[in-house]
C-alpha atoms as a PDB file:
ATOM      1  CA  UNK A   1     119.104 139.893 -49.922  1.00  0.00           C
ATOM      2  CA  UNK A   2     120.176 140.268 -46.172  1.00  0.00           C
ATOM      3  CA  UNK A   3     119.387 136.781 -45.389  1.00  0.00           C
ATOM      4  CA  UNK A   4     121.093 135.602 -48.265  1.00  0.00           C
ATOM      5  CA  UNK A   5     124.216 137.291 -47.488  1.00  0.00           C
ATOM      6  CA  UNK A   6     124.203 135.786 -44.018  1.00  0.00           C
ATOM      7  CA  UNK A   7     123.970 132.480 -45.156  1.00  0.00           C
ATOM      8  CA  UNK A   8     126.895 133.156 -47.628  1.00  0.00           C
ATOM      9  CA  UNK A   9     129.039 134.546 -44.641  1.00  0.00           C
ATOM     10  CA  UNK A  10     130.717 131.718 -44.129  1.00  0.00           C
ATOM     11  CA  UNK A  11     131.856 131.077 -47.898  1.00  0.00           C
ATOM     12  CA  UNK A  12     132.637 134.885 -48.360  1.00  0.00           C
ATOM     13  CA  UNK A  13     134.752 134.721 -45.327  1.00  0.00           C
ATOM     14  CA  UNK A  14     136.756 131.704 -45.299  1.00  0.00           C
ATOM     15  CA  UNK A  15     139.444 132.662 -43.415  1.00  0.00           C
ATOM     16  CA  UNK A  16     140.440 135.005 -40.816  1.00  0.00           C
ATOM     17  CA  UNK A  17     142.391 137.299 -43.126  1.00  0.00           C
ATOM     18  CA  UNK A  18     139.318 137.692 -45.372  1.00  0.00           C
ATOM     19  CA  UNK A  19     137.455 138.722 -42.372  1.00  0.00           C
ATOM     20  CA  UNK A  20     140.077 141.171 -40.846  1.00  0.00           C
ATOM     21  CA  UNK A  21     140.757 142.461 -44.618  1.00  0.00           C
ATOM     22  CA  UNK A  22     136.784 143.356 -44.960  1.00  0.00           C
ATOM     23  CA  UNK A  23     136.486 145.042 -41.249  1.00  0.00           C
ATOM     24  CA  UNK A  24     139.804 147.053 -41.767  1.00  0.00           C
ATOM     25  CA  UNK A  25     137.886 148.135 -45.215  1.00  0.00           C
ATOM     26  CA  UNK A  26     134.618 148.931 -42.946  1.00  0.00           C
ATOM     27  CA  UNK A  27     136.864 150.821 -40.526  1.00  0.00           C
ATOM     28  CA  UNK A  28     138.445 153.079 -43.057  1.00  0.00           C
ATOM     29  CA  UNK A  29     135.347 153.499 -45.440  1.00  0.00           C
ATOM     30  CA  UNK A  30     134.605 157.153 -44.298  1.00  0.00           C
ATOM     31  CA  UNK A  31     138.199 157.881 -45.875  1.00  0.00           C
ATOM     32  CA  UNK A  32     137.648 156.005 -48.741  1.00  0.00           C
ATOM     33  CA  UNK A  33     134.554 158.004 -49.393  1.00  0.00           C
ATOM     34  CA  UNK A  34     135.990 161.333 -48.684  1.00  0.00           C
ATOM     35  CA  UNK A  35     138.950 160.424 -51.126  1.00  0.00           C
ATOM     36  CA  UNK A  36     136.130 159.222 -54.057  1.00  0.00           C
ATOM     37  CA  UNK A  37     134.404 162.511 -53.285  1.00  0.00           C
ATOM     38  CA  UNK A  38     137.502 164.450 -53.435  1.00  0.00           C
ATOM     39  CA  UNK A  39     137.980 163.003 -57.164  1.00  0.00           C
ATOM     40  CA  UNK A  40     134.411 164.710 -57.970  1.00  0.00           C
ATOM     41  CA  UNK A  41     135.015 167.885 -56.313  1.00  0.00           C
ATOM     42  CA  UNK A  42     138.440 168.315 -58.493  1.00  0.00           C
ATOM     43  CA  UNK A  43     136.429 167.615 -61.694  1.00  0.00           C
ATOM     44  CA  UNK A  44     134.068 170.354 -61.144  1.00  0.00           C
ATOM     45  CA  UNK A  45     136.130 173.054 -62.050  1.00  0.00           C
ATOM     46  CA  UNK A  46     135.582 171.871 -65.317  1.00  0.00           C
ATOM     47  CA  UNK A  47     131.789 173.130 -64.939  1.00  0.00           C
ATOM     48  CA  UNK A  48     130.942 176.240 -66.897  1.00  0.00           C
ATOM     49  CA  UNK A  49     130.112 178.925 -64.082  1.00  0.00           C
ATOM     50  CA  UNK A  50     129.125 182.121 -65.347  1.00  0.00           C
ATOM     51  CA  UNK A  51     130.871 185.136 -64.443  1.00  0.00           C
ATOM     52  CA  UNK A  52     127.453 186.372 -62.336  1.00  0.00           C
ATOM     53  CA  UNK A  53     128.112 183.045 -59.964  1.00  0.00           C
ATOM     54  CA  UNK A  54     131.178 182.192 -57.925  1.00  0.00           C
ATOM     55  CA  UNK A  55     132.238 178.645 -57.440  1.00  0.00           C
ATOM     56  CA  UNK A  56     134.166 177.426 -53.985  1.00  0.00           C
ATOM     57  CA  UNK A  57     135.345 173.839 -52.961  1.00  0.00           C
ATOM     58  CA  UNK A  58     135.580 173.402 -49.183  1.00  0.00           C
ATOM     59  CA  UNK A  59     137.802 170.862 -47.692  1.00  0.00           C
ATOM     60  CA  UNK A  60     135.495 168.341 -46.988  1.00  0.00           C
ATOM     61  CA  UNK A  61     134.314 167.915 -50.647  1.00  0.00           C
ATOM     62  CA  UNK A  62     131.259 170.357 -50.442  1.00  0.00           C
ATOM     63  CA  UNK A  63     130.797 172.675 -52.867  1.00  0.00           C
ATOM     64  CA  UNK A  64     129.316 176.161 -52.796  1.00  0.00           C
ATOM     65  CA  UNK A  65     127.808 178.243 -55.618  1.00  0.00           C
ATOM     66  CA  UNK A  66     126.983 181.870 -54.824  1.00  0.00           C
ATOM     67  CA  UNK A  67     125.733 184.875 -56.915  1.00  0.00           C
ATOM     68  CA  UNK A  68     128.422 187.217 -57.746  1.00  0.00           C
ATOM     69  CA  UNK A  69     126.849 189.788 -55.906  1.00  0.00           C
ATOM     70  CA  UNK A  70     126.964 187.832 -52.634  1.00  0.00           C
ATOM     71  CA  UNK A  71     130.748 187.799 -52.158  1.00  0.00           C
ATOM     72  CA  UNK A  72     130.888 185.552 -49.310  1.00  0.00           C
ATOM     73  CA  UNK A  73     130.138 181.955 -48.143  1.00  0.00           C
ATOM     74  CA  UNK A  74     127.554 183.370 -45.700  1.00  0.00           C
ATOM     75  CA  UNK A  75     125.046 184.404 -48.504  1.00  0.00           C
ATOM     76  CA  UNK A  76     122.119 182.396 -49.911  1.00  0.00           C
ATOM     77  CA  UNK A  77     123.525 179.864 -51.953  1.00  0.00           C
ATOM     78  CA  UNK A  78     123.708 176.610 -53.467  1.00  0.00           C
ATOM     79  CA  UNK A  79     125.242 173.941 -51.554  1.00  0.00           C
ATOM     80  CA  UNK A  80     126.283 170.383 -52.534  1.00  0.00           C
ATOM     81  CA  UNK A  81     127.413 167.838 -50.219  1.00  0.00           C
ATOM     82  CA  UNK A  82     127.574 163.944 -50.938  1.00  0.00           C
ATOM     83  CA  UNK A  83     124.285 163.338 -52.862  1.00  0.00           C
ATOM     84  CA  UNK A  84     122.411 166.282 -51.198  1.00  0.00           C
ATOM     85  CA  UNK A  85     121.563 169.346 -53.121  1.00  0.00           C
ATOM     86  CA  UNK A  86     120.587 172.431 -51.008  1.00  0.00           C
ATOM     87  CA  UNK A  87     119.572 175.869 -50.720  1.00  0.00           C
ATOM     88  CA  UNK A  88     121.188 177.364 -47.958  1.00  0.00           C
ATOM     89  CA  UNK A  89     121.619 180.547 -46.090  1.00  0.00           C
ATOM     90  CA  UNK A  90     123.645 181.193 -42.796  1.00  0.00           C
ATOM     91  CA  UNK A  91     121.696 181.542 -39.863  1.00  0.00           C
ATOM     92  CA  UNK A  92     124.213 184.338 -38.456  1.00  0.00           C
ATOM     93  CA  UNK A  93     123.932 186.628 -41.490  1.00  0.00           C
ATOM     94  CA  UNK A  94     120.169 185.853 -42.524  1.00  0.00           C
ATOM     95  CA  UNK A  95     116.749 186.298 -40.912  1.00  0.00           C
ATOM     96  CA  UNK A  96     116.090 182.591 -42.049  1.00  0.00           C
ATOM     97  CA  UNK A  97     112.196 183.239 -41.371  1.00  0.00           C
ATOM     98  CA  UNK A  98     112.283 186.340 -43.964  1.00  0.00           C
ATOM     99  CA  UNK A  99     114.367 183.937 -46.495  1.00  0.00           C
ATOM    100  CA  UNK A 100     111.494 181.452 -46.226  1.00  0.00           C
ATOM    101  CA  UNK A 101     108.753 183.771 -46.596  1.00  0.00           C
ATOM    102  CA  UNK A 102     110.265 185.507 -49.559  1.00  0.00           C
ATOM    103  CA  UNK A 103     110.543 182.408 -51.349  1.00  0.00           C
ATOM    104  CA  UNK A 104     107.028 181.491 -50.775  1.00  0.00           C
ATOM    105  CA  UNK A 105     105.798 184.869 -52.610  1.00  0.00           C
ATOM    106  CA  UNK A 106     104.840 184.485 -55.985  1.00  0.00           C
ATOM    107  CA  UNK A 107     107.666 186.553 -57.371  1.00  0.00           C
ATOM    108  CA  UNK A 108     109.909 183.825 -56.675  1.00  0.00           C
ATOM    109  CA  UNK A 109     107.827 180.862 -58.128  1.00  0.00           C
ATOM    110  CA  UNK A 110     110.506 180.232 -60.416  1.00  0.00           C
ATOM    111  CA  UNK A 111     113.319 179.877 -57.859  1.00  0.00           C
ATOM    112  CA  UNK A 112     111.138 177.338 -55.929  1.00  0.00           C
ATOM    113  CA  UNK A 113     110.040 175.314 -58.970  1.00  0.00           C
ATOM    114  CA  UNK A 114     113.740 174.514 -59.492  1.00  0.00           C
ATOM    115  CA  UNK A 115     113.705 171.961 -56.568  1.00  0.00           C
ATOM    116  CA  UNK A 116     112.221 168.789 -56.556  1.00  0.00           C
ATOM    117  CA  UNK A 117     111.055 169.052 -52.859  1.00  0.00           C
ATOM    118  CA  UNK A 118     108.281 171.052 -52.141  1.00  0.00           C
ATOM    119  CA  UNK A 119     108.247 171.684 -48.733  1.00  0.00           C
ATOM    120  CA  UNK A 120     110.644 174.298 -47.086  1.00  0.00           C
ATOM    121  CA  UNK A 121     112.341 173.400 -44.134  1.00  0.00           C
ATOM    122  CA  UNK A 122     110.957 174.180 -40.815  1.00  0.00           C
ATOM    123  CA  UNK A 123     112.286 176.745 -38.320  1.00  0.00           C
ATOM    124  CA  UNK A 124     115.355 178.119 -38.283  1.00  0.00           C
ATOM    125  CA  UNK A 125     116.971 175.275 -39.982  1.00  0.00           C
ATOM    126  CA  UNK A 126     119.868 177.058 -42.694  1.00  0.00           C
ATOM    127  CA  UNK A 127     119.040 174.584 -45.440  1.00  0.00           C
ATOM    128  CA  UNK A 128     115.932 176.119 -46.887  1.00  0.00           C
ATOM    129  CA  UNK A 129     115.347 173.420 -49.270  1.00  0.00           C
ATOM    130  CA  UNK A 130     117.367 170.129 -49.332  1.00  0.00           C
ATOM    131  CA  UNK A 131     117.312 167.491 -51.959  1.00  0.00           C
ATOM    132  CA  UNK A 132     118.563 163.781 -51.483  1.00  0.00           C
ATOM    133  CA  UNK A 133     119.046 161.153 -54.021  1.00  0.00           C
ATOM    134  CA  UNK A 134     118.897 163.456 -57.361  1.00  0.00           C
ATOM    135  CA  UNK A 135     121.621 161.865 -58.992  1.00  0.00           C
ATOM    136  CA  UNK A 136     121.703 158.524 -60.506  1.00  0.00           C
ATOM    137  CA  UNK A 137     123.797 155.905 -62.280  1.00  0.00           C
ATOM    138  CA  UNK A 138     122.513 152.961 -64.186  1.00  0.00           C
ATOM    139  CA  UNK A 139     118.715 153.968 -63.401  1.00  0.00           C
ATOM    140  CA  UNK A 140     119.618 153.833 -59.301  1.00  0.00           C
ATOM    141  CA  UNK A 141     118.964 156.780 -57.549  1.00  0.00           C
ATOM    142  CA  UNK A 142     122.317 157.268 -55.472  1.00  0.00           C
ATOM    143  CA  UNK A 143     122.578 157.278 -51.870  1.00  0.00           C
ATOM    144  CA  UNK A 144     125.498 159.244 -50.221  1.00  0.00           C
ATOM    145  CA  UNK A 145     127.549 155.473 -50.323  1.00  0.00           C
ATOM    146  CA  UNK A 146     126.890 154.944 -53.799  1.00  0.00           C
ATOM    147  CA  UNK A 147     127.221 158.490 -54.470  1.00  0.00           C
ATOM    148  CA  UNK A 148     130.671 158.472 -53.404  1.00  0.00           C
ATOM    149  CA  UNK A 149     131.783 155.394 -55.323  1.00  0.00           C
ATOM    150  CA  UNK A 150     130.278 157.210 -58.718  1.00  0.00           C
ATOM    151  CA  UNK A 151     131.771 160.191 -57.827  1.00  0.00           C
ATOM    152  CA  UNK A 152     135.130 158.639 -57.509  1.00  0.00           C
ATOM    153  CA  UNK A 153     135.191 156.322 -60.138  1.00  0.00           C
ATOM    154  CA  UNK A 154     132.838 158.142 -62.816  1.00  0.00           C
ATOM    155  CA  UNK A 155     132.909 161.664 -61.568  1.00  0.00           C
ATOM    156  CA  UNK A 156     131.664 162.906 -65.253  1.00  0.00           C
ATOM    157  CA  UNK A 157     128.492 161.041 -64.720  1.00  0.00           C
ATOM    158  CA  UNK A 158     127.736 163.342 -61.472  1.00  0.00           C
ATOM    159  CA  UNK A 159     129.440 166.430 -63.032  1.00  0.00           C
ATOM    160  CA  UNK A 160     127.163 166.376 -66.111  1.00  0.00           C
ATOM    161  CA  UNK A 161     124.016 165.445 -63.837  1.00  0.00           C
ATOM    162  CA  UNK A 162     125.199 168.511 -61.703  1.00  0.00           C
ATOM    163  CA  UNK A 163     125.639 170.686 -64.666  1.00  0.00           C
ATOM    164  CA  UNK A 164     122.332 170.250 -66.094  1.00  0.00           C
ATOM    165  CA  UNK A 165     120.574 171.040 -62.682  1.00  0.00           C
ATOM    166  CA  UNK A 166     122.830 174.271 -62.054  1.00  0.00           C
ATOM    167  CA  UNK A 167     122.150 175.701 -65.684  1.00  0.00           C
ATOM    168  CA  UNK A 168     118.567 176.919 -64.370  1.00  0.00           C
ATOM    169  CA  UNK A 169     119.828 178.160 -61.551  1.00  0.00           C
ATOM    170  CA  UNK A 170     122.584 180.150 -63.608  1.00  0.00           C
ATOM    171  CA  UNK A 171     119.779 182.118 -65.474  1.00  0.00           C
ATOM    172  CA  UNK A 172     119.508 185.893 -65.260  1.00  0.00           C
ATOM    173  CA  UNK A 173     115.806 185.843 -63.716  1.00  0.00           C
ATOM    174  CA  UNK A 174     116.869 183.355 -60.890  1.00  0.00           C
ATOM    175  CA  UNK A 175     120.452 185.024 -60.336  1.00  0.00           C
ATOM    176  CA  UNK A 176     118.553 188.051 -59.559  1.00  0.00           C
ATOM    177  CA  UNK A 177     116.092 186.404 -57.305  1.00  0.00           C
ATOM    178  CA  UNK A 178     119.043 185.316 -55.523  1.00  0.00           C
ATOM    179  CA  UNK A 179     120.366 188.831 -55.140  1.00  0.00           C
ATOM    180  CA  UNK A 180     117.006 190.261 -54.199  1.00  0.00           C
ATOM    181  CA  UNK A 181     116.763 187.404 -51.283  1.00  0.00           C
ATOM    182  CA  UNK A 182     120.333 188.313 -50.252  1.00  0.00           C
ATOM    183  CA  UNK A 183     119.596 192.185 -49.649  1.00  0.00           C
ATOM    184  CA  UNK A 184     116.242 191.995 -48.325  1.00  0.00           C
ATOM    185  CA  UNK A 185     116.788 189.086 -45.664  1.00  0.00           C
ATOM    186  CA  UNK A 186     120.573 189.843 -44.732  1.00  0.00           C
ATOM    187  CA  UNK A 187     120.779 190.867 -40.899  1.00  0.00           C
ATOM    188  CA  UNK A 188     124.627 191.693 -40.538  1.00  0.00           C
END
């Protein structure tokens, strides 16, 4: 595909104005992406979040889902940013190694099974689990650029996929696991 585009580049950029427009779009693409993600972020309000969980949108388009007992963003929570879905804990408020060791225990297997990745992050990384490419559009696994486009142009598709993923986390059993880890690993 790359060689084909290179060979077609003279046709694609027949005049300097077309090339300048392309370069300008390329320069502002991060802002365009952020604008698309903002549209998706606003659609998230439609997700039915049970009273046992809190939902917070961030200015960068990221979204927190925290168990209601946690009461603060520094708690163990679910973090969605761009095409990534993560289990995250604040390093300043949690013993990250303790969180990781707790999750490895049999009593937390139901929480661990909610993630497609089986490896827990290494070291003191605050992202305990991080999944990328969990969202799909027309059988395509979305990278961060494609995710942004779908999020801005067809946000209900992403919201529906996220809702489906979150329903398992909202179960009473897994909500209780979040609280137990929050209580056991907090250092502040």
